Amino acid sequence: MIVGVVSHDEHDHDSKTLKAALTEAHTHRETSIRLAVVDRGYRGAKNKVDCEVLLPGPPLKRDNAYQRQKKRILCRKRSAIEPIIGHLKHDHRLLRSWLKGAEGDRINLLMAGCAWNLRKWMIAFFLFEKPNGGEQTLLAIACCQPLGTPLIVVWVLS
């Protein structure tokens, strides 16, 4: 499920867009975000946000086996977002924005996110009783740039 979308007018580094993405996600949620699982492009963003930021990397020596396995699973769930970005680009027409200006880019991105969520809800309510057990466990953030328009998509993974 896509929780929030943020479109940027400038080409900022990923580490500088994390705060805006988390702020957007906080506006649509009742509970605060405690853990953000991000890719390596967000290195340097740990000090700029209020929540814990988990980057993929080698396990720490102080981590026990359970913590290592948990971090590994969370980073694998995060890597499942990249195909979703591809589907958003191709199936929901994010390869090119047909609307004018930066505001048109924001509208196009918001409508693609709404269409994705509507499709997921229709599948969940008409085919299954509870989607993914009904639990939302982690926030994952991805950044992609379709034809020069930087955007951030925020997901809650189950």
Protein backbone atom coordinates (compact mmCIF):
# COMPACT_ATOMS: atom_id res chain seq x y z
CA MET A 1 0.00 0.00 0.00
CA ILE A 2 1.35 3.42 -0.91
CA VAL A 3 1.04 5.72 2.11
CA GLY A 4 2.27 8.99 0.62
CA VAL A 5 3.95 10.42 -2.44
CA VAL A 6 6.28 13.41 -2.72
CA SER A 7 7.37 15.05 -5.95
CA HIS A 8 10.46 17.30 -5.97
CA ASP A 9 11.20 20.10 -8.42
CA GLU A 10 14.95 19.71 -8.07
CA HIS A 11 17.28 16.74 -8.40
CA ASP A 12 18.26 16.28 -4.76
CA HIS A 13 20.34 13.41 -3.43
CA ASP A 14 18.30 10.64 -1.82
CA SER A 15 19.64 11.45 1.65
CA LYS A 16 18.14 14.95 1.41
CA THR A 17 14.66 13.71 0.46
CA LEU A 18 14.10 11.32 3.37
CA LYS A 19 12.78 13.97 5.73
CA ALA A 20 10.17 15.15 3.21
CA ALA A 21 9.05 11.57 2.58
CA LEU A 22 8.69 10.84 6.28
CA THR A 23 6.79 14.09 6.84
CA GLU A 24 4.37 13.15 4.06
CA ALA A 25 3.88 9.69 5.50
CA HIS A 26 3.28 11.10 9.00
CA THR A 27 0.39 13.25 7.71
CA HIS A 28 -1.54 10.15 6.64
CA ARG A 29 -0.86 7.91 9.64
CA GLU A 30 -2.03 7.92 13.24
CA THR A 31 1.02 6.16 14.67
CA SER A 32 4.54 7.47 14.35
CA ILE A 33 7.10 5.79 12.14
CA ARG A 34 9.82 4.16 14.22
CA LEU A 35 11.88 2.40 11.54
CA ALA A 36 12.62 3.45 7.96
CA VAL A 37 14.23 0.76 5.81
CA VAL A 38 16.02 2.46 2.93
CA ASP A 39 18.58 1.63 0.26
CA ARG A 40 22.23 2.70 0.22
CA GLY A 41 21.43 6.00 -1.47
CA TYR A 42 20.18 7.31 1.86
CA ARG A 43 23.56 7.12 3.59
CA GLY A 44 24.03 10.25 5.67
CA ALA A 45 20.32 10.68 6.42
CA LYS A 46 20.42 8.99 9.83
CA ASN A 47 21.15 12.25 11.64
CA LYS A 48 18.48 14.28 9.82
CA VAL A 49 15.36 12.35 10.88
CA ASP A 50 13.72 11.42 14.17
CA CYS A 51 13.25 7.70 13.49
CA GLU A 52 15.72 4.84 13.17
CA VAL A 53 17.11 4.39 9.65
CA LEU A 54 18.15 0.88 8.58
CA LEU A 55 20.61 0.62 5.70
CA PRO A 56 21.59 -2.67 4.07
CA GLY A 57 25.10 -3.76 4.85
CA PRO A 58 27.21 -6.37 6.55
CA PRO A 59 25.97 -7.43 10.00
CA LEU A 60 27.48 -5.81 13.05
CA LYS A 61 29.57 -7.86 15.46
CA ARG A 62 27.41 -6.82 18.39
CA ASP A 63 24.22 -8.15 16.73
CA ASN A 64 23.05 -11.58 17.77
CA ALA A 65 21.72 -14.13 15.27
CA TYR A 66 18.11 -13.00 15.70
CA GLN A 67 18.94 -9.34 15.01
CA ARG A 68 21.01 -10.27 11.96
CA GLN A 69 18.19 -12.37 10.53
CA LYS A 70 15.61 -9.66 11.24
CA LYS A 71 17.69 -6.97 9.46
CA ARG A 72 18.24 -9.32 6.54
CA ILE A 73 14.50 -9.98 6.18
CA LEU A 74 13.65 -6.26 6.39
CA CYS A 75 16.19 -5.38 3.71
CA ARG A 76 14.86 -8.14 1.47
CA LYS A 77 11.33 -6.77 1.86
CA ARG A 78 12.67 -3.36 0.89
CA SER A 79 14.19 -4.75 -2.30
CA ALA A 80 10.72 -5.91 -3.36
CA ILE A 81 9.77 -2.27 -3.94
CA GLU A 82 11.83 -1.82 -7.09
CA PRO A 83 9.46 -3.92 -9.25
CA ILE A 84 6.54 -1.89 -7.87
CA ILE A 85 8.23 1.29 -9.09
CA GLY A 86 8.55 -0.30 -12.53
CA HIS A 87 4.85 -1.19 -12.53
CA LEU A 88 3.95 2.35 -11.50
CA LYS A 89 6.05 3.76 -14.32
CA HIS A 90 4.64 1.50 -17.03
CA ASP A 91 1.12 0.56 -15.91
CA HIS A 92 0.15 3.90 -14.39
CA ARG A 93 1.90 6.14 -16.93
CA LEU A 94 4.64 7.66 -14.82
CA LEU A 95 7.17 7.44 -17.63
CA ARG A 96 5.98 10.78 -18.93
CA SER A 97 3.91 13.48 -17.29
CA TRP A 98 1.29 14.85 -19.64
CA LEU A 99 0.28 17.58 -17.21
CA LYS A 100 1.89 21.01 -17.15
CA GLY A 101 4.60 22.02 -14.70
CA ALA A 102 5.58 20.88 -11.24
CA GLU A 103 1.97 20.90 -10.04
CA GLY A 104 1.06 18.59 -12.92
CA ASP A 105 3.84 16.23 -11.87
CA ARG A 106 2.43 16.15 -8.32
CA ILE A 107 -1.09 15.45 -9.59
CA ASN A 108 0.15 12.71 -11.92
CA LEU A 109 2.09 11.05 -9.10
CA LEU A 110 -0.83 11.28 -6.66
CA MET A 111 -3.24 9.76 -9.16
CA ALA A 112 -0.85 6.88 -9.88
CA GLY A 113 -0.56 6.18 -6.15
CA CYS A 114 -4.35 6.29 -5.76
CA ALA A 115 -4.83 3.93 -8.70
CA TRP A 116 -2.28 1.49 -7.23
CA ASN A 117 -4.02 1.51 -3.84
CA LEU A 118 -7.47 1.15 -5.40
CA ARG A 119 -6.30 -1.87 -7.37
CA LYS A 120 -4.82 -3.46 -4.24
CA TRP A 121 -7.98 -2.81 -2.21
CA MET A 122 -10.22 -4.23 -4.92
CA ILE A 123 -8.14 -7.41 -5.08
CA ALA A 124 -8.08 -7.70 -1.29
CA PHE A 125 -11.79 -7.13 -0.69
CA PHE A 126 -13.18 -9.06 -3.62
CA LEU A 127 -10.82 -12.04 -3.70
CA PHE A 128 -9.55 -12.46 -0.14
CA GLU A 129 -10.81 -11.72 3.32
CA LYS A 130 -7.73 -10.04 4.85
CA PRO A 131 -4.82 -8.72 2.80
CA ASN A 132 -1.47 -9.95 4.17
CA GLY A 133 -2.91 -10.90 7.54
CA GLY A 134 -4.03 -7.33 8.20
CA GLU A 135 -0.74 -6.19 9.77
CA GLN A 136 1.39 -3.28 8.75
CA THR A 137 4.89 -3.68 10.06
CA LEU A 138 7.43 -1.49 8.35
CA LEU A 139 7.91 1.60 6.27
CA ALA A 140 10.03 1.49 3.16
CA ILE A 141 10.99 4.41 0.99
CA ALA A 142 12.09 4.44 -2.61
CA CYS A 143 13.15 7.21 -4.93
CA CYS A 144 12.94 7.10 -8.70
CA GLN A 145 13.28 9.70 -11.42
CA PRO A 146 11.08 9.21 -14.50
CA LEU A 147 12.41 11.43 -17.27
CA GLY A 148 13.87 14.12 -15.08
CA THR A 149 11.09 14.37 -12.48
CA PRO A 150 12.39 13.23 -9.09
CA LEU A 151 9.79 11.58 -6.92
CA ILE A 152 9.57 9.59 -3.72
CA VAL A 153 7.09 6.83 -3.06
CA VAL A 154 6.46 5.68 0.50
CA TRP A 155 5.09 2.18 1.26
CA VAL A 156 3.98 0.29 4.28
CA LEU A 157 4.99 -3.33 3.80
CA SER A 158 3.31 -6.23 5.53
